[in-house]
ModelCIF file with pLDDT and N, C-alpha, C, O atoms, coordinates in Angstrom:
data_MODEL
#
_entry.id   MODEL 
#
_entity.id                         1 
_entity.type                       polymer 
_entity.pdbx_number_of_molecules   1 
#
_entity_poly.entity_id                      1 
_entity_poly.type                           'polypeptide(L)' 
_entity_poly.nstd_linkage                   no 
_entity_poly.nstd_monomer                   no 
_entity_poly.pdbx_seq_one_letter_code       ENVGLTHRLPLGSVLRMTLWGRHYRMSAARAHQLGLVDE 
_entity_poly.pdbx_seq_one_letter_code_can   ENVGLTHRLPLGSVLRMTLWGRHYRMSAARAHQLGLVDE 
_entity_poly.pdbx_strand_id                 A 
#
loop_
_entity_poly_seq.entity_id 
_entity_poly_seq.num 
_entity_poly_seq.mon_id 
_entity_poly_seq.hetero 
1 1  GLU n 
1 2  ASN n 
1 3  VAL n 
1 4  GLY n 
1 5  LEU n 
1 6  THR n 
1 7  HIS n 
1 8  ARG n 
1 9  LEU n 
1 10 PRO n 
1 11 LEU n 
1 12 GLY n 
1 13 SER n 
1 14 VAL n 
1 15 LEU n 
1 16 ARG n 
1 17 MET n 
1 18 THR n 
1 19 LEU n 
1 20 TRP n 
1 21 GLY n 
1 22 ARG n 
1 23 HIS n 
1 24 TYR n 
1 25 ARG n 
1 26 MET n 
1 27 SER n 
1 28 ALA n 
1 29 ALA n 
1 30 ARG n 
1 31 ALA n 
1 32 HIS n 
1 33 GLN n 
1 34 LEU n 
1 35 GLY n 
1 36 LEU n 
1 37 VAL n 
1 38 ASP n 
1 39 GLU n 
#
_struct_asym.id          A 
_struct_asym.entity_id   1 
#
loop_
_ma_qa_metric.id 
_ma_qa_metric.mode 
_ma_qa_metric.name 
_ma_qa_metric.software_group_id 
_ma_qa_metric.type 
1 global pLDDT . pLDDT 
2 local  pLDDT . pLDDT 
#
_ma_qa_metric_global.metric_id      1 
_ma_qa_metric_global.metric_value   97.28 
_ma_qa_metric_global.model_id       1 
_ma_qa_metric_global.ordinal_id     1 
#
loop_
_ma_qa_metric_local.label_asym_id 
_ma_qa_metric_local.label_comp_id 
_ma_qa_metric_local.label_seq_id 
_ma_qa_metric_local.metric_id 
_ma_qa_metric_local.metric_value 
_ma_qa_metric_local.model_id 
_ma_qa_metric_local.ordinal_id 
A GLU 1  2 95.00 1 1  
A ASN 2  2 96.00 1 2  
A VAL 3  2 96.00 1 3  
A GLY 4  2 95.00 1 4  
A LEU 5  2 97.00 1 5  
A THR 6  2 97.00 1 6  
A HIS 7  2 95.00 1 7  
A ARG 8  2 96.00 1 8  
A LEU 9  2 97.00 1 9  
A PRO 10 2 97.00 1 10 
A LEU 11 2 97.00 1 11 
A GLY 12 2 98.00 1 12 
A SER 13 2 98.00 1 13 
A VAL 14 2 98.00 1 14 
A LEU 15 2 98.00 1 15 
A ARG 16 2 98.00 1 16 
A MET 17 2 97.00 1 17 
A THR 18 2 98.00 1 18 
A LEU 19 2 98.00 1 19 
A TRP 20 2 97.00 1 20 
A GLY 21 2 96.00 1 21 
A ARG 22 2 96.00 1 22 
A HIS 23 2 97.00 1 23 
A TYR 24 2 98.00 1 24 
A ARG 25 2 98.00 1 25 
A MET 26 2 98.00 1 26 
A SER 27 2 98.00 1 27 
A ALA 28 2 98.00 1 28 
A ALA 29 2 98.00 1 29 
A ARG 30 2 98.00 1 30 
A ALA 31 2 98.00 1 31 
A HIS 32 2 98.00 1 32 
A GLN 33 2 98.00 1 33 
A LEU 34 2 98.00 1 34 
A GLY 35 2 97.00 1 35 
A LEU 36 2 98.00 1 36 
A VAL 37 2 98.00 1 37 
A ASP 38 2 98.00 1 38 
A GLU 39 2 98.00 1 39 
#
loop_
_atom_site.group_PDB 
_atom_site.id 
_atom_site.type_symbol 
_atom_site.label_atom_id 
_atom_site.label_alt_id 
_atom_site.label_comp_id 
_atom_site.label_asym_id 
_atom_site.label_entity_id 
_atom_site.label_seq_id 
_atom_site.pdbx_PDB_ins_code 
_atom_site.Cartn_x 
_atom_site.Cartn_y 
_atom_site.Cartn_z 
_atom_site.occupancy 
_atom_site.B_iso_or_equiv 
_atom_site.pdbx_formal_charge 
_atom_site.auth_seq_id 
_atom_site.auth_comp_id 
_atom_site.auth_asym_id 
_atom_site.auth_atom_id 
_atom_site.pdbx_PDB_model_num 
ATOM 1   N N  . GLU A 1 1  ? -43.873 27.451 -18.026 1.00 95.00 ? 1  GLU A N  1 
ATOM 2   C CA . GLU A 1 1  ? -42.907 28.187 -17.213 1.00 95.00 ? 1  GLU A CA 1 
ATOM 3   C C  . GLU A 1 1  ? -41.538 27.509 -17.221 1.00 95.00 ? 1  GLU A C  1 
ATOM 4   O O  . GLU A 1 1  ? -40.507 28.175 -17.124 1.00 95.00 ? 1  GLU A O  1 
ATOM 5   N N  . ASN A 1 2  ? -41.535 26.198 -17.336 1.00 96.00 ? 2  ASN A N  1 
ATOM 6   C CA . ASN A 1 2  ? -40.276 25.457 -17.374 1.00 96.00 ? 2  ASN A CA 1 
ATOM 7   C C  . ASN A 1 2  ? -39.511 25.751 -18.663 1.00 96.00 ? 2  ASN A C  1 
ATOM 8   O O  . ASN A 1 2  ? -38.292 25.921 -18.646 1.00 96.00 ? 2  ASN A O  1 
ATOM 9   N N  . VAL A 1 3  ? -40.232 25.808 -19.770 1.00 96.00 ? 3  VAL A N  1 
ATOM 10  C CA . VAL A 1 3  ? -39.595 26.180 -21.034 1.00 96.00 ? 3  VAL A CA 1 
ATOM 11  C C  . VAL A 1 3  ? -39.046 27.608 -20.934 1.00 96.00 ? 3  VAL A C  1 
ATOM 12  O O  . VAL A 1 3  ? -37.946 27.893 -21.406 1.00 96.00 ? 3  VAL A O  1 
ATOM 13  N N  . GLY A 1 4  ? -39.823 28.496 -20.315 1.00 95.00 ? 4  GLY A N  1 
ATOM 14  C CA . GLY A 1 4  ? -39.344 29.857 -20.127 1.00 95.00 ? 4  GLY A CA 1 
ATOM 15  C C  . GLY A 1 4  ? -38.049 29.908 -19.344 1.00 95.00 ? 4  GLY A C  1 
ATOM 16  O O  . GLY A 1 4  ? -37.177 30.728 -19.630 1.00 95.00 ? 4  GLY A O  1 
ATOM 17  N N  . LEU A 1 5  ? -37.919 29.037 -18.360 1.00 97.00 ? 5  LEU A N  1 
ATOM 18  C CA . LEU A 1 5  ? -36.704 29.018 -17.535 1.00 97.00 ? 5  LEU A CA 1 
ATOM 19  C C  . LEU A 1 5  ? -35.478 28.567 -18.330 1.00 97.00 ? 5  LEU A C  1 
ATOM 20  O O  . LEU A 1 5  ? -34.350 28.903 -17.969 1.00 97.00 ? 5  LEU A O  1 
ATOM 21  N N  . THR A 1 6  ? -35.690 27.808 -19.414 1.00 97.00 ? 6  THR A N  1 
ATOM 22  C CA . THR A 1 6  ? -34.531 27.364 -20.206 1.00 97.00 ? 6  THR A CA 1 
ATOM 23  C C  . THR A 1 6  ? -33.832 28.537 -20.898 1.00 97.00 ? 6  THR A C  1 
ATOM 24  O O  . THR A 1 6  ? -32.699 28.398 -21.358 1.00 97.00 ? 6  THR A O  1 
ATOM 25  N N  . HIS A 1 7  ? -34.498 29.682 -20.972 1.00 95.00 ? 7  HIS A N  1 
ATOM 26  C CA . HIS A 1 7  ? -33.863 30.869 -21.540 1.00 95.00 ? 7  HIS A CA 1 
ATOM 27  C C  . HIS A 1 7  ? -33.079 31.652 -20.487 1.00 95.00 ? 7  HIS A C  1 
ATOM 28  O O  . HIS A 1 7  ? -32.409 32.636 -20.802 1.00 95.00 ? 7  HIS A O  1 
ATOM 29  N N  . ARG A 1 8  ? -33.170 31.201 -19.221 1.00 96.00 ? 8  ARG A N  1 
ATOM 30  C CA . ARG A 1 8  ? -32.499 31.934 -18.149 1.00 96.00 ? 8  ARG A CA 1 
ATOM 31  C C  . ARG A 1 8  ? -31.552 31.053 -17.345 1.00 96.00 ? 8  ARG A C  1 
ATOM 32  O O  . ARG A 1 8  ? -30.745 31.556 -16.564 1.00 96.00 ? 8  ARG A O  1 
ATOM 33  N N  . LEU A 1 9  ? -31.648 29.752 -17.534 1.00 97.00 ? 9  LEU A N  1 
ATOM 34  C CA . LEU A 1 9  ? -30.858 28.788 -16.770 1.00 97.00 ? 9  LEU A CA 1 
ATOM 35  C C  . LEU A 1 9  ? -30.256 27.751 -17.717 1.00 97.00 ? 9  LEU A C  1 
ATOM 36  O O  . LEU A 1 9  ? -30.774 27.542 -18.813 1.00 97.00 ? 9  LEU A O  1 
ATOM 37  N N  . PRO A 1 10 ? -29.163 27.096 -17.302 1.00 97.00 ? 10 PRO A N  1 
ATOM 38  C CA . PRO A 1 10 ? -28.679 25.942 -18.066 1.00 97.00 ? 10 PRO A CA 1 
ATOM 39  C C  . PRO A 1 10 ? -29.754 24.852 -18.113 1.00 97.00 ? 10 PRO A C  1 
ATOM 40  O O  . PRO A 1 10 ? -30.514 24.681 -17.160 1.00 97.00 ? 10 PRO A O  1 
ATOM 41  N N  . LEU A 1 11 ? -29.808 24.131 -19.207 1.00 97.00 ? 11 LEU A N  1 
ATOM 42  C CA . LEU A 1 11 ? -30.844 23.110 -19.386 1.00 97.00 ? 11 LEU A CA 1 
ATOM 43  C C  . LEU A 1 11 ? -30.830 22.101 -18.249 1.00 97.00 ? 11 LEU A C  1 
ATOM 44  O O  . LEU A 1 11 ? -31.892 21.717 -17.759 1.00 97.00 ? 11 LEU A O  1 
ATOM 45  N N  . GLY A 1 12 ? -29.645 21.659 -17.816 1.00 98.00 ? 12 GLY A N  1 
ATOM 46  C CA . GLY A 1 12 ? -29.572 20.665 -16.752 1.00 98.00 ? 12 GLY A CA 1 
ATOM 47  C C  . GLY A 1 12 ? -30.215 21.143 -15.465 1.00 98.00 ? 12 GLY A C  1 
ATOM 48  O O  . GLY A 1 12 ? -30.825 20.351 -14.747 1.00 98.00 ? 12 GLY A O  1 
ATOM 49  N N  . SER A 1 13 ? -30.085 22.437 -15.160 1.00 98.00 ? 13 SER A N  1 
ATOM 50  C CA . SER A 1 13 ? -30.684 22.983 -13.947 1.00 98.00 ? 13 SER A CA 1 
ATOM 51  C C  . SER A 1 13 ? -32.208 22.963 -14.037 1.00 98.00 ? 13 SER A C  1 
ATOM 52  O O  . SER A 1 13 ? -32.889 22.671 -13.054 1.00 98.00 ? 13 SER A O  1 
ATOM 53  N N  . VAL A 1 14 ? -32.740 23.276 -15.222 1.00 98.00 ? 14 VAL A N  1 
ATOM 54  C CA . VAL A 1 14 ? -34.189 23.247 -15.394 1.00 98.00 ? 14 VAL A CA 1 
ATOM 55  C C  . VAL A 1 14 ? -34.700 21.810 -15.347 1.00 98.00 ? 14 VAL A C  1 
ATOM 56  O O  . VAL A 1 14 ? -35.756 21.544 -14.773 1.00 98.00 ? 14 VAL A O  1 
ATOM 57  N N  . LEU A 1 15 ? -33.961 20.892 -15.944 1.00 98.00 ? 15 LEU A N  1 
ATOM 58  C CA . LEU A 1 15 ? -34.371 19.485 -15.919 1.00 98.00 ? 15 LEU A CA 1 
ATOM 59  C C  . LEU A 1 15 ? -34.397 18.942 -14.499 1.00 98.00 ? 15 LEU A C  1 
ATOM 60  O O  . LEU A 1 15 ? -35.326 18.229 -14.119 1.00 98.00 ? 15 LEU A O  1 
ATOM 61  N N  . ARG A 1 16 ? -33.389 19.274 -13.725 1.00 98.00 ? 16 ARG A N  1 
ATOM 62  C CA . ARG A 1 16 ? -33.375 18.774 -12.346 1.00 98.00 ? 16 ARG A CA 1 
ATOM 63  C C  . ARG A 1 16 ? -34.564 19.323 -11.569 1.00 98.00 ? 16 ARG A C  1 
ATOM 64  O O  . ARG A 1 16 ? -35.234 18.582 -10.850 1.00 98.00 ? 16 ARG A O  1 
ATOM 65  N N  . MET A 1 17 ? -34.827 20.617 -11.710 1.00 97.00 ? 17 MET A N  1 
ATOM 66  C CA . MET A 1 17 ? -35.953 21.217 -11.001 1.00 97.00 ? 17 MET A CA 1 
ATOM 67  C C  . MET A 1 17 ? -37.273 20.601 -11.454 1.00 97.00 ? 17 MET A C  1 
ATOM 68  O O  . MET A 1 17 ? -38.155 20.334 -10.638 1.00 97.00 ? 17 MET A O  1 
ATOM 69  N N  . THR A 1 18 ? -37.402 20.378 -12.770 1.00 98.00 ? 18 THR A N  1 
ATOM 70  C CA . THR A 1 18 ? -38.661 19.886 -13.324 1.00 98.00 ? 18 THR A CA 1 
ATOM 71  C C  . THR A 1 18 ? -38.906 18.414 -13.018 1.00 98.00 ? 18 THR A C  1 
ATOM 72  O O  . THR A 1 18 ? -39.984 18.043 -12.555 1.00 98.00 ? 18 THR A O  1 
ATOM 73  N N  . LEU A 1 19 ? -37.910 17.582 -13.275 1.00 98.00 ? 19 LEU A N  1 
ATOM 74  C CA . LEU A 1 19 ? -38.112 16.134 -13.167 1.00 98.00 ? 19 LEU A CA 1 
ATOM 75  C C  . LEU A 1 19 ? -38.089 15.643 -11.727 1.00 98.00 ? 19 LEU A C  1 
ATOM 76  O O  . LEU A 1 19 ? -38.722 14.636 -11.410 1.00 98.00 ? 19 LEU A O  1 
ATOM 77  N N  . TRP A 1 20 ? -37.374 16.334 -10.856 1.00 97.00 ? 20 TRP A N  1 
ATOM 78  C CA . TRP A 1 20 ? -37.266 15.888 -9.455  1.00 97.00 ? 20 TRP A CA 1 
ATOM 79  C C  . TRP A 1 20 ? -38.379 16.451 -8.571  1.00 97.00 ? 20 TRP A C  1 
ATOM 80  O O  . TRP A 1 20 ? -38.521 16.031 -7.422  1.00 97.00 ? 20 TRP A O  1 
ATOM 81  N N  . GLY A 1 21 ? -39.157 17.380 -9.081  1.00 96.00 ? 21 GLY A N  1 
ATOM 82  C CA . GLY A 1 21 ? -40.295 17.887 -8.333  1.00 96.00 ? 21 GLY A CA 1 
ATOM 83  C C  . GLY A 1 21 ? -39.924 18.421 -6.959  1.00 96.00 ? 21 GLY A C  1 
ATOM 84  O O  . GLY A 1 21 ? -38.946 19.153 -6.808  1.00 96.00 ? 21 GLY A O  1 
ATOM 85  N N  . ARG A 1 22 ? -40.710 18.049 -5.962  1.00 96.00 ? 22 ARG A N  1 
ATOM 86  C CA . ARG A 1 22 ? -40.513 18.598 -4.611  1.00 96.00 ? 22 ARG A CA 1 
ATOM 87  C C  . ARG A 1 22 ? -39.218 18.130 -3.958  1.00 96.00 ? 22 ARG A C  1 
ATOM 88  O O  . ARG A 1 22 ? -38.848 18.628 -2.894  1.00 96.00 ? 22 ARG A O  1 
ATOM 89  N N  . HIS A 1 23 ? -38.525 17.180 -4.580  1.00 97.00 ? 23 HIS A N  1 
ATOM 90  C CA . HIS A 1 23 ? -37.298 16.653 -3.980  1.00 97.00 ? 23 HIS A CA 1 
ATOM 91  C C  . HIS A 1 23 ? -36.081 17.546 -4.221  1.00 97.00 ? 23 HIS A C  1 
ATOM 92  O O  . HIS A 1 23 ? -35.006 17.293 -3.678  1.00 97.00 ? 23 HIS A O  1 
ATOM 93  N N  . TYR A 1 24 ? -36.251 18.596 -5.037  1.00 98.00 ? 24 TYR A N  1 
ATOM 94  C CA . TYR A 1 24 ? -35.120 19.499 -5.273  1.00 98.00 ? 24 TYR A CA 1 
ATOM 95  C C  . TYR A 1 24 ? -35.559 20.946 -5.122  1.00 98.00 ? 24 TYR A C  1 
ATOM 96  O O  . TYR A 1 24 ? -36.527 21.388 -5.741  1.00 98.00 ? 24 TYR A O  1 
ATOM 97  N N  . ARG A 1 25 ? -34.831 21.669 -4.290  1.00 98.00 ? 25 ARG A N  1 
ATOM 98  C CA . ARG A 1 25 ? -35.072 23.104 -4.114  1.00 98.00 ? 25 ARG A CA 1 
ATOM 99  C C  . ARG A 1 25 ? -33.800 23.861 -4.469  1.00 98.00 ? 25 ARG A C  1 
ATOM 100 O O  . ARG A 1 25 ? -32.718 23.553 -3.968  1.00 98.00 ? 25 ARG A O  1 
ATOM 101 N N  . MET A 1 26 ? -33.944 24.854 -5.339  1.00 98.00 ? 26 MET A N  1 
ATOM 102 C CA . MET A 1 26 ? -32.811 25.692 -5.716  1.00 98.00 ? 26 MET A CA 1 
ATOM 103 C C  . MET A 1 26 ? -32.765 26.891 -4.778  1.00 98.00 ? 26 MET A C  1 
ATOM 104 O O  . MET A 1 26 ? -33.742 27.633 -4.667  1.00 98.00 ? 26 MET A O  1 
ATOM 105 N N  . SER A 1 27 ? -31.663 27.079 -4.119  1.00 98.00 ? 27 SER A N  1 
ATOM 106 C CA . SER A 1 27 ? -31.528 28.208 -3.207  1.00 98.00 ? 27 SER A CA 1 
ATOM 107 C C  . SER A 1 27 ? -31.396 29.505 -3.992  1.00 98.00 ? 27 SER A C  1 
ATOM 108 O O  . SER A 1 27 ? -31.041 29.497 -5.171  1.00 98.00 ? 27 SER A O  1 
ATOM 109 N N  . ALA A 1 28 ? -31.683 30.614 -3.328  1.00 98.00 ? 28 ALA A N  1 
ATOM 110 C CA . ALA A 1 28 ? -31.515 31.914 -3.967  1.00 98.00 ? 28 ALA A CA 1 
ATOM 111 C C  . ALA A 1 28 ? -30.064 32.131 -4.364  1.00 98.00 ? 28 ALA A C  1 
ATOM 112 O O  . ALA A 1 28 ? -29.774 32.708 -5.412  1.00 98.00 ? 28 ALA A O  1 
ATOM 113 N N  . ALA A 1 29 ? -29.151 31.661 -3.509  1.00 98.00 ? 29 ALA A N  1 
ATOM 114 C CA . ALA A 1 29 ? -27.721 31.826 -3.817  1.00 98.00 ? 29 ALA A CA 1 
ATOM 115 C C  . ALA A 1 29 ? -27.350 31.072 -5.083  1.00 98.00 ? 29 ALA A C  1 
ATOM 116 O O  . ALA A 1 29 ? -26.609 31.590 -5.918  1.00 98.00 ? 29 ALA A O  1 
ATOM 117 N N  . ARG A 1 30 ? -27.864 29.839 -5.235  1.00 98.00 ? 30 ARG A N  1 
ATOM 118 C CA . ARG A 1 30 ? -27.581 29.058 -6.440  1.00 98.00 ? 30 ARG A CA 1 
ATOM 119 C C  . ARG A 1 30 ? -28.223 29.708 -7.658  1.00 98.00 ? 30 ARG A C  1 
ATOM 120 O O  . ARG A 1 30 ? -27.610 29.766 -8.724  1.00 98.00 ? 30 ARG A O  1 
ATOM 121 N N  . ALA A 1 31 ? -29.459 30.200 -7.511  1.00 98.00 ? 31 ALA A N  1 
ATOM 122 C CA . ALA A 1 31 ? -30.141 30.865 -8.615  1.00 98.00 ? 31 ALA A CA 1 
ATOM 123 C C  . ALA A 1 31 ? -29.377 32.115 -9.041  1.00 98.00 ? 31 ALA A C  1 
ATOM 124 O O  . ALA A 1 31 ? -29.318 32.439 -10.227 1.00 98.00 ? 31 ALA A O  1 
ATOM 125 N N  . HIS A 1 32 ? -28.801 32.806 -8.082  1.00 98.00 ? 32 HIS A N  1 
ATOM 126 C CA . HIS A 1 32 ? -27.998 33.993 -8.397  1.00 98.00 ? 32 HIS A CA 1 
ATOM 127 C C  . HIS A 1 32 ? -26.712 33.584 -9.113  1.00 98.00 ? 32 HIS A C  1 
ATOM 128 O O  . HIS A 1 32 ? -26.290 34.236 -10.067 1.00 98.00 ? 32 HIS A O  1 
ATOM 129 N N  . GLN A 1 33 ? -26.103 32.514 -8.650  1.00 98.00 ? 33 GLN A N  1 
ATOM 130 C CA . GLN A 1 33 ? -24.877 32.014 -9.276  1.00 98.00 ? 33 GLN A CA 1 
ATOM 131 C C  . GLN A 1 33 ? -25.119 31.634 -10.731 1.00 98.00 ? 33 GLN A C  1 
ATOM 132 O O  . GLN A 1 33 ? -24.248 31.840 -11.576 1.00 98.00 ? 33 GLN A O  1 
ATOM 133 N N  . LEU A 1 34 ? -26.295 31.080 -11.032 1.00 98.00 ? 34 LEU A N  1 
ATOM 134 C CA . LEU A 1 34 ? -26.624 30.631 -12.382 1.00 98.00 ? 34 LEU A CA 1 
ATOM 135 C C  . LEU A 1 34 ? -27.197 31.740 -13.252 1.00 98.00 ? 34 LEU A C  1 
ATOM 136 O O  . LEU A 1 34 ? -27.352 31.551 -14.458 1.00 98.00 ? 34 LEU A O  1 
ATOM 137 N N  . GLY A 1 35 ? -27.516 32.890 -12.670 1.00 97.00 ? 35 GLY A N  1 
ATOM 138 C CA . GLY A 1 35 ? -28.015 34.016 -13.446 1.00 97.00 ? 35 GLY A CA 1 
ATOM 139 C C  . GLY A 1 35 ? -29.517 34.166 -13.487 1.00 97.00 ? 35 GLY A C  1 
ATOM 140 O O  . GLY A 1 35 ? -30.022 35.086 -14.131 1.00 97.00 ? 35 GLY A O  1 
ATOM 141 N N  . LEU A 1 36 ? -30.257 33.279 -12.812 1.00 98.00 ? 36 LEU A N  1 
ATOM 142 C CA . LEU A 1 36 ? -31.715 33.418 -12.777 1.00 98.00 ? 36 LEU A CA 1 
ATOM 143 C C  . LEU A 1 36 ? -32.111 34.614 -11.920 1.00 98.00 ? 36 LEU A C  1 
ATOM 144 O O  . LEU A 1 36 ? -33.017 35.369 -12.273 1.00 98.00 ? 36 LEU A O  1 
ATOM 145 N N  . VAL A 1 37 ? -31.429 34.779 -10.799 1.00 98.00 ? 37 VAL A N  1 
ATOM 146 C CA . VAL A 1 37 ? -31.648 35.927 -9.915  1.00 98.00 ? 37 VAL A CA 1 
ATOM 147 C C  . VAL A 1 37 ? -30.561 36.954 -10.188 1.00 98.00 ? 37 VAL A C  1 
ATOM 148 O O  . VAL A 1 37 ? -29.376 36.623 -10.219 1.00 98.00 ? 37 VAL A O  1 
ATOM 149 N N  . ASP A 1 38 ? -30.968 38.197 -10.386 1.00 98.00 ? 38 ASP A N  1 
ATOM 150 C CA . ASP A 1 38 ? -30.011 39.246 -10.722 1.00 98.00 ? 38 ASP A CA 1 
ATOM 151 C C  . ASP A 1 38 ? -29.337 39.838 -9.493  1.00 98.00 ? 38 ASP A C  1 
ATOM 152 O O  . ASP A 1 38 ? -28.185 40.267 -9.555  1.00 98.00 ? 38 ASP A O  1 
ATOM 153 N N  . GLU A 1 39 ? -30.058 39.861 -8.373  1.00 98.00 ? 39 GLU A N  1 
ATOM 154 C CA . GLU A 1 39 ? -29.460 40.445 -7.174  1.00 98.00 ? 39 GLU A CA 1 
ATOM 155 C C  . GLU A 1 39 ? -30.106 39.838 -5.939  1.00 98.00 ? 39 GLU A C  1 
ATOM 156 O O  . GLU A 1 39 ? -29.747 40.193 -4.817  1.00 98.00 ? 39 GLU A O  1 
#
């Protein structure tokens, strides 16, 4: 699923989410800003 996310997010965003585990949460607003969330 992480590899799949690299097609929808910048690599750095996926790396932060993956490597930092529970210590990083991406908000819906940030996901929308990056294009992962469409609306």
